[in-house]
Amino acid sequence: MKRIAIDMDDVMADTSFKIIQYINERVNGVYSYEGLMTASDVEKKAFYEVYVANNKFLWEPGFFEDIPVKPNAVDVIQALMGKYEVFIVSAATEFPNSMKEKLQWMQQHFPFIGWQHIVFCGHKHMISADYLIDDHEKNLKTFTGTPLLFTAPHNLHIHDYERVNSWLDVQSRLLV
């Protein structure tokens, strides 16, 4: 059985949506996910600078508890489990409070994925799978299987990987 490794943030969880919400609250901003998806490079850089200066919330308890689930993620991942061995792989150790919160989030939204199939790590280069679905190039460039770049506002400039824009794209690519 082939194996798929799936990232959590901005792949299963709509983390950018919540980050934008938190940034807007802290700087009285009017940023939106849709706006960043179509923003110019200058506008994206400006948002990134604001984000870096105001992102301490990522290390605070509670941030990762209630992030929305990406549309169709639950159904497609459940279907993938019928054809592949699925592992959830997250660089959660960067944000120590996130590990417990991410486990609880998984139990709430993906109760059909057991703890034995959830991997928290720093670097993903040691992950052995046939496919990796991730939103960060740093994880895809060291991956030895087939990398799939999940679209997010921060990776629109990357063109070196096969891109999936949604879970329905993943379904079309991997469940044919």
C-alpha atoms as a PDB file:
ATOM      1  CA  MET A   1       0.000   0.000   0.000  1.00  0.00           C
ATOM      2  CA  LYS A   2       1.381   3.420  -0.937  1.00  0.00           C
ATOM      3  CA  ARG A   3       1.879   5.999   1.796  1.00  0.00           C
ATOM      4  CA  ILE A   4       0.803   9.660   1.889  1.00  0.00           C
ATOM      5  CA  ALA A   5       2.172  12.202   4.365  1.00  0.00           C
ATOM      6  CA  ILE A   6      -0.092  15.220   4.872  1.00  0.00           C
ATOM      7  CA  ASP A   7       0.844  18.489   6.551  1.00  0.00           C
ATOM      8  CA  MET A   8      -1.663  20.116   8.910  1.00  0.00           C
ATOM      9  CA  ASP A   9      -1.274  23.916   8.799  1.00  0.00           C
ATOM     10  CA  ASP A  10      -2.580  25.468   5.579  1.00  0.00           C
ATOM     11  CA  VAL A  11      -3.253  22.006   4.175  1.00  0.00           C
ATOM     12  CA  MET A  12      -5.807  20.392   6.506  1.00  0.00           C
ATOM     13  CA  ALA A  13      -6.301  23.449   8.710  1.00  0.00           C
ATOM     14  CA  ASP A  14      -7.010  26.935   7.394  1.00  0.00           C
ATOM     15  CA  THR A  15      -4.213  28.424   9.496  1.00  0.00           C
ATOM     16  CA  SER A  16      -3.580  31.459   7.273  1.00  0.00           C
ATOM     17  CA  PHE A  17      -7.221  32.459   7.707  1.00  0.00           C
ATOM     18  CA  LYS A  18      -6.794  32.515  11.487  1.00  0.00           C
ATOM     19  CA  ILE A  19      -3.392  34.235  11.290  1.00  0.00           C
ATOM     20  CA  ILE A  20      -4.911  37.004   9.172  1.00  0.00           C
ATOM     21  CA  GLN A  21      -7.744  37.348  11.679  1.00  0.00           C
ATOM     22  CA  TYR A  22      -5.262  37.670  14.575  1.00  0.00           C
ATOM     23  CA  ILE A  23      -3.085  40.176  12.692  1.00  0.00           C
ATOM     24  CA  ASN A  24      -6.124  42.307  11.886  1.00  0.00           C
ATOM     25  CA  GLU A  25      -7.090  42.350  15.587  1.00  0.00           C
ATOM     26  CA  ARG A  26      -3.578  43.385  16.653  1.00  0.00           C
ATOM     27  CA  VAL A  27      -2.925  46.122  14.083  1.00  0.00           C
ATOM     28  CA  ASN A  28      -6.507  47.167  13.303  1.00  0.00           C
ATOM     29  CA  GLY A  29      -5.945  45.813   9.796  1.00  0.00           C
ATOM     30  CA  VAL A  30      -8.272  44.924   6.962  1.00  0.00           C
ATOM     31  CA  TYR A  31      -6.307  42.039   5.447  1.00  0.00           C
ATOM     32  CA  SER A  32      -8.207  39.099   3.976  1.00  0.00           C
ATOM     33  CA  TYR A  33      -7.270  35.660   2.691  1.00  0.00           C
ATOM     34  CA  GLU A  34      -8.785  36.417  -0.700  1.00  0.00           C
ATOM     35  CA  GLY A  35      -6.961  39.742  -0.833  1.00  0.00           C
ATOM     36  CA  LEU A  36      -3.599  38.122  -0.135  1.00  0.00           C
ATOM     37  CA  MET A  37      -4.257  35.484  -2.790  1.00  0.00           C
ATOM     38  CA  THR A  38      -4.496  38.233  -5.422  1.00  0.00           C
ATOM     39  CA  ALA A  39      -2.164  40.833  -3.862  1.00  0.00           C
ATOM     40  CA  SER A  40       0.921  42.155  -5.587  1.00  0.00           C
ATOM     41  CA  ASP A  41       4.348  41.061  -4.365  1.00  0.00           C
ATOM     42  CA  VAL A  42       4.758  44.454  -2.681  1.00  0.00           C
ATOM     43  CA  GLU A  43       1.459  44.048  -0.804  1.00  0.00           C
ATOM     44  CA  LYS A  44       2.371  40.497   0.254  1.00  0.00           C
ATOM     45  CA  LYS A  45       5.759  41.667   1.493  1.00  0.00           C
ATOM     46  CA  ALA A  46       4.082  44.442   3.499  1.00  0.00           C
ATOM     47  CA  PHE A  47       1.726  41.927   5.117  1.00  0.00           C
ATOM     48  CA  TYR A  48       4.638  39.574   5.858  1.00  0.00           C
ATOM     49  CA  GLU A  49       6.520  42.364   7.643  1.00  0.00           C
ATOM     50  CA  VAL A  50       3.444  43.138   9.776  1.00  0.00           C
ATOM     51  CA  TYR A  51       3.019  39.399  10.444  1.00  0.00           C
ATOM     52  CA  VAL A  52       6.639  38.910  11.582  1.00  0.00           C
ATOM     53  CA  ALA A  53       6.385  41.900  13.908  1.00  0.00           C
ATOM     54  CA  ASN A  54       3.106  40.668  15.453  1.00  0.00           C
ATOM     55  CA  ASN A  55       3.138  36.853  15.411  1.00  0.00           C
ATOM     56  CA  LYS A  56       3.853  36.105  19.072  1.00  0.00           C
ATOM     57  CA  PHE A  57       0.370  34.579  19.287  1.00  0.00           C
ATOM     58  CA  LEU A  58       1.731  31.457  17.541  1.00  0.00           C
ATOM     59  CA  TRP A  59       3.572  30.589  20.773  1.00  0.00           C
ATOM     60  CA  GLU A  60       0.644  31.395  23.060  1.00  0.00           C
ATOM     61  CA  PRO A  61      -1.687  28.701  24.395  1.00  0.00           C
ATOM     62  CA  GLY A  62      -4.946  28.388  22.497  1.00  0.00           C
ATOM     63  CA  PHE A  63      -4.023  29.575  19.017  1.00  0.00           C
ATOM     64  CA  PHE A  64      -4.122  26.126  17.386  1.00  0.00           C
ATOM     65  CA  GLU A  65      -7.287  24.898  19.145  1.00  0.00           C
ATOM     66  CA  ASP A  66     -10.027  26.202  16.882  1.00  0.00           C
ATOM     67  CA  ILE A  67      -8.564  26.689  13.421  1.00  0.00           C
ATOM     68  CA  PRO A  68     -11.155  26.016  10.710  1.00  0.00           C
ATOM     69  CA  VAL A  69     -10.848  22.844   8.637  1.00  0.00           C
ATOM     70  CA  LYS A  70     -10.120  23.294   4.929  1.00  0.00           C
ATOM     71  CA  PRO A  71     -13.178  22.578   2.754  1.00  0.00           C
ATOM     72  CA  ASN A  72     -13.550  18.893   1.787  1.00  0.00           C
ATOM     73  CA  ALA A  73     -10.470  17.866   3.795  1.00  0.00           C
ATOM     74  CA  VAL A  74     -12.352  15.443   6.063  1.00  0.00           C
ATOM     75  CA  ASP A  75     -14.127  13.565   3.272  1.00  0.00           C
ATOM     76  CA  VAL A  76     -11.142  13.381   0.925  1.00  0.00           C
ATOM     77  CA  ILE A  77      -8.690  12.283   3.619  1.00  0.00           C
ATOM     78  CA  GLN A  78     -11.128   9.627   4.781  1.00  0.00           C
ATOM     79  CA  ALA A  79     -11.403   8.392   1.178  1.00  0.00           C
ATOM     80  CA  LEU A  80      -7.601   8.445   0.798  1.00  0.00           C
ATOM     81  CA  MET A  81      -7.362   6.103   3.791  1.00  0.00           C
ATOM     82  CA  GLY A  82      -9.212   3.466   1.765  1.00  0.00           C
ATOM     83  CA  LYS A  83      -6.459   3.449  -0.855  1.00  0.00           C
ATOM     84  CA  TYR A  84      -3.311   4.660   0.968  1.00  0.00           C
ATOM     85  CA  GLU A  85      -1.590   4.492   4.318  1.00  0.00           C
ATOM     86  CA  VAL A  86      -2.061   8.075   5.556  1.00  0.00           C
ATOM     87  CA  PHE A  87       0.173   9.882   8.032  1.00  0.00           C
ATOM     88  CA  ILE A  88      -0.329  13.399   9.305  1.00  0.00           C
ATOM     89  CA  VAL A  89       3.041  15.128   9.564  1.00  0.00           C
ATOM     90  CA  SER A  90       3.384  18.497  11.281  1.00  0.00           C
ATOM     91  CA  ALA A  91       6.382  20.583  12.301  1.00  0.00           C
ATOM     92  CA  ALA A  92       4.533  21.230  15.551  1.00  0.00           C
ATOM     93  CA  THR A  93       7.666  21.179  17.701  1.00  0.00           C
ATOM     94  CA  GLU A  94       8.408  24.758  16.572  1.00  0.00           C
ATOM     95  CA  PHE A  95       5.385  25.814  18.648  1.00  0.00           C
ATOM     96  CA  PRO A  96       5.421  23.605  21.774  1.00  0.00           C
ATOM     97  CA  ASN A  97       1.912  24.586  22.909  1.00  0.00           C
ATOM     98  CA  SER A  98       0.569  23.482  19.550  1.00  0.00           C
ATOM     99  CA  MET A  99       1.270  19.776  20.032  1.00  0.00           C
ATOM    100  CA  LYS A 100      -1.508  19.119  22.552  1.00  0.00           C
ATOM    101  CA  GLU A 101      -3.848  21.503  20.727  1.00  0.00           C
ATOM    102  CA  LYS A 102      -3.178  19.828  17.371  1.00  0.00           C
ATOM    103  CA  LEU A 103      -3.839  16.386  18.845  1.00  0.00           C
ATOM    104  CA  GLN A 104      -7.145  17.637  20.237  1.00  0.00           C
ATOM    105  CA  TRP A 105      -7.953  19.300  16.877  1.00  0.00           C
ATOM    106  CA  MET A 106      -7.278  16.010  15.104  1.00  0.00           C
ATOM    107  CA  GLN A 107      -9.507  14.101  17.536  1.00  0.00           C
ATOM    108  CA  GLN A 108     -12.295  16.628  17.000  1.00  0.00           C
ATOM    109  CA  HIS A 109     -12.164  16.881  13.207  1.00  0.00           C
ATOM    110  CA  PHE A 110     -10.444  13.647  12.085  1.00  0.00           C
ATOM    111  CA  PRO A 111     -11.340  11.065  14.755  1.00  0.00           C
ATOM    112  CA  PHE A 112     -10.767   8.273  12.212  1.00  0.00           C
ATOM    113  CA  ILE A 113      -7.005   9.000  12.212  1.00  0.00           C
ATOM    114  CA  GLY A 114      -5.350   7.372  15.215  1.00  0.00           C
ATOM    115  CA  TRP A 115      -2.442   8.790  17.179  1.00  0.00           C
ATOM    116  CA  GLN A 116      -0.205   6.148  15.578  1.00  0.00           C
ATOM    117  CA  HIS A 117      -0.577   8.013  12.268  1.00  0.00           C
ATOM    118  CA  ILE A 118       0.285  11.493  13.582  1.00  0.00           C
ATOM    119  CA  VAL A 119       3.927  12.578  13.491  1.00  0.00           C
ATOM    120  CA  PHE A 120       5.189  15.776  15.120  1.00  0.00           C
ATOM    121  CA  CYS A 121       8.683  16.725  14.035  1.00  0.00           C
ATOM    122  CA  GLY A 122      10.985  19.639  13.330  1.00  0.00           C
ATOM    123  CA  HIS A 123      12.183  18.752   9.847  1.00  0.00           C
ATOM    124  CA  LYS A 124      10.261  16.532   7.458  1.00  0.00           C
ATOM    125  CA  HIS A 125      13.249  15.312   5.432  1.00  0.00           C
ATOM    126  CA  MET A 126      13.257  12.009   7.318  1.00  0.00           C
ATOM    127  CA  ILE A 127       9.664  11.209   6.344  1.00  0.00           C
ATOM    128  CA  SER A 128       9.405   8.187   4.065  1.00  0.00           C
ATOM    129  CA  ALA A 129       6.272   8.229   1.906  1.00  0.00           C
ATOM    130  CA  ASP A 130       5.207   8.066  -1.700  1.00  0.00           C
ATOM    131  CA  TYR A 131       3.519  11.498  -1.566  1.00  0.00           C
ATOM    132  CA  LEU A 132       3.875  14.576   0.622  1.00  0.00           C
ATOM    133  CA  ILE A 133       1.123  17.205   0.542  1.00  0.00           C
ATOM    134  CA  ASP A 134       2.565  20.390   2.052  1.00  0.00           C
ATOM    135  CA  ASP A 135       2.361  24.161   1.651  1.00  0.00           C
ATOM    136  CA  HIS A 136       6.059  24.874   2.283  1.00  0.00           C
ATOM    137  CA  GLU A 137       8.785  24.423  -0.287  1.00  0.00           C
ATOM    138  CA  LYS A 138      11.358  23.755   2.467  1.00  0.00           C
ATOM    139  CA  ASN A 139       9.581  20.462   3.179  1.00  0.00           C
ATOM    140  CA  LEU A 140       8.997  19.503  -0.436  1.00  0.00           C
ATOM    141  CA  LYS A 141      12.544  20.122  -1.711  1.00  0.00           C
ATOM    142  CA  THR A 142      14.073  17.458   0.550  1.00  0.00           C
ATOM    143  CA  PHE A 143      11.276  14.943   0.050  1.00  0.00           C
ATOM    144  CA  THR A 144      12.246  11.838  -1.942  1.00  0.00           C
ATOM    145  CA  GLY A 145       8.737  10.842  -3.095  1.00  0.00           C
ATOM    146  CA  THR A 146       6.234  12.840  -5.148  1.00  0.00           C
ATOM    147  CA  PRO A 147       5.750  16.323  -3.651  1.00  0.00           C
ATOM    148  CA  LEU A 148       2.391  18.091  -3.989  1.00  0.00           C
ATOM    149  CA  LEU A 149       2.327  21.809  -3.173  1.00  0.00           C
ATOM    150  CA  PHE A 150      -0.937  22.819  -1.498  1.00  0.00           C
ATOM    151  CA  THR A 151      -1.786  26.378  -2.500  1.00  0.00           C
ATOM    152  CA  ALA A 152      -1.549  29.071   0.188  1.00  0.00           C
ATOM    153  CA  PRO A 153      -0.988  32.838   0.034  1.00  0.00           C
ATOM    154  CA  HIS A 154       2.690  32.440   0.945  1.00  0.00           C
ATOM    155  CA  ASN A 155       3.557  29.989  -1.872  1.00  0.00           C
ATOM    156  CA  LEU A 156       1.967  31.458  -4.985  1.00  0.00           C
ATOM    157  CA  HIS A 157       5.419  32.406  -6.337  1.00  0.00           C
ATOM    158  CA  ILE A 158       6.603  28.773  -6.342  1.00  0.00           C
ATOM    159  CA  HIS A 159       6.303  26.909  -9.639  1.00  0.00           C
ATOM    160  CA  ASP A 160       8.677  23.961  -9.213  1.00  0.00           C
ATOM    161  CA  TYR A 161       6.135  21.439  -7.900  1.00  0.00           C
ATOM    162  CA  GLU A 162       2.843  19.970  -8.938  1.00  0.00           C
ATOM    163  CA  ARG A 163       0.257  22.191  -7.282  1.00  0.00           C
ATOM    164  CA  VAL A 164      -3.055  21.233  -5.720  1.00  0.00           C
ATOM    165  CA  ASN A 165      -5.383  24.153  -5.041  1.00  0.00           C
ATOM    166  CA  SER A 166      -7.935  22.339  -2.900  1.00  0.00           C
ATOM    167  CA  TRP A 167      -8.876  18.982  -1.465  1.00  0.00           C
ATOM    168  CA  LEU A 168     -10.984  18.367  -4.545  1.00  0.00           C
ATOM    169  CA  ASP A 169      -7.761  18.704  -6.584  1.00  0.00           C
ATOM    170  CA  VAL A 170      -6.142  16.136  -4.285  1.00  0.00           C
ATOM    171  CA  GLN A 171      -9.130  13.861  -4.839  1.00  0.00           C
ATOM    172  CA  SER A 172      -8.808  14.194  -8.627  1.00  0.00           C
ATOM    173  CA  ARG A 173      -5.061  13.541  -8.479  1.00  0.00           C
ATOM    174  CA  LEU A 174      -4.904  10.650  -6.011  1.00  0.00           C
ATOM    175  CA  LEU A 175      -8.328   8.960  -6.060  1.00  0.00           C
ATOM    176  CA  VAL A 176      -8.757   8.225  -9.763  1.00  0.00           C
END
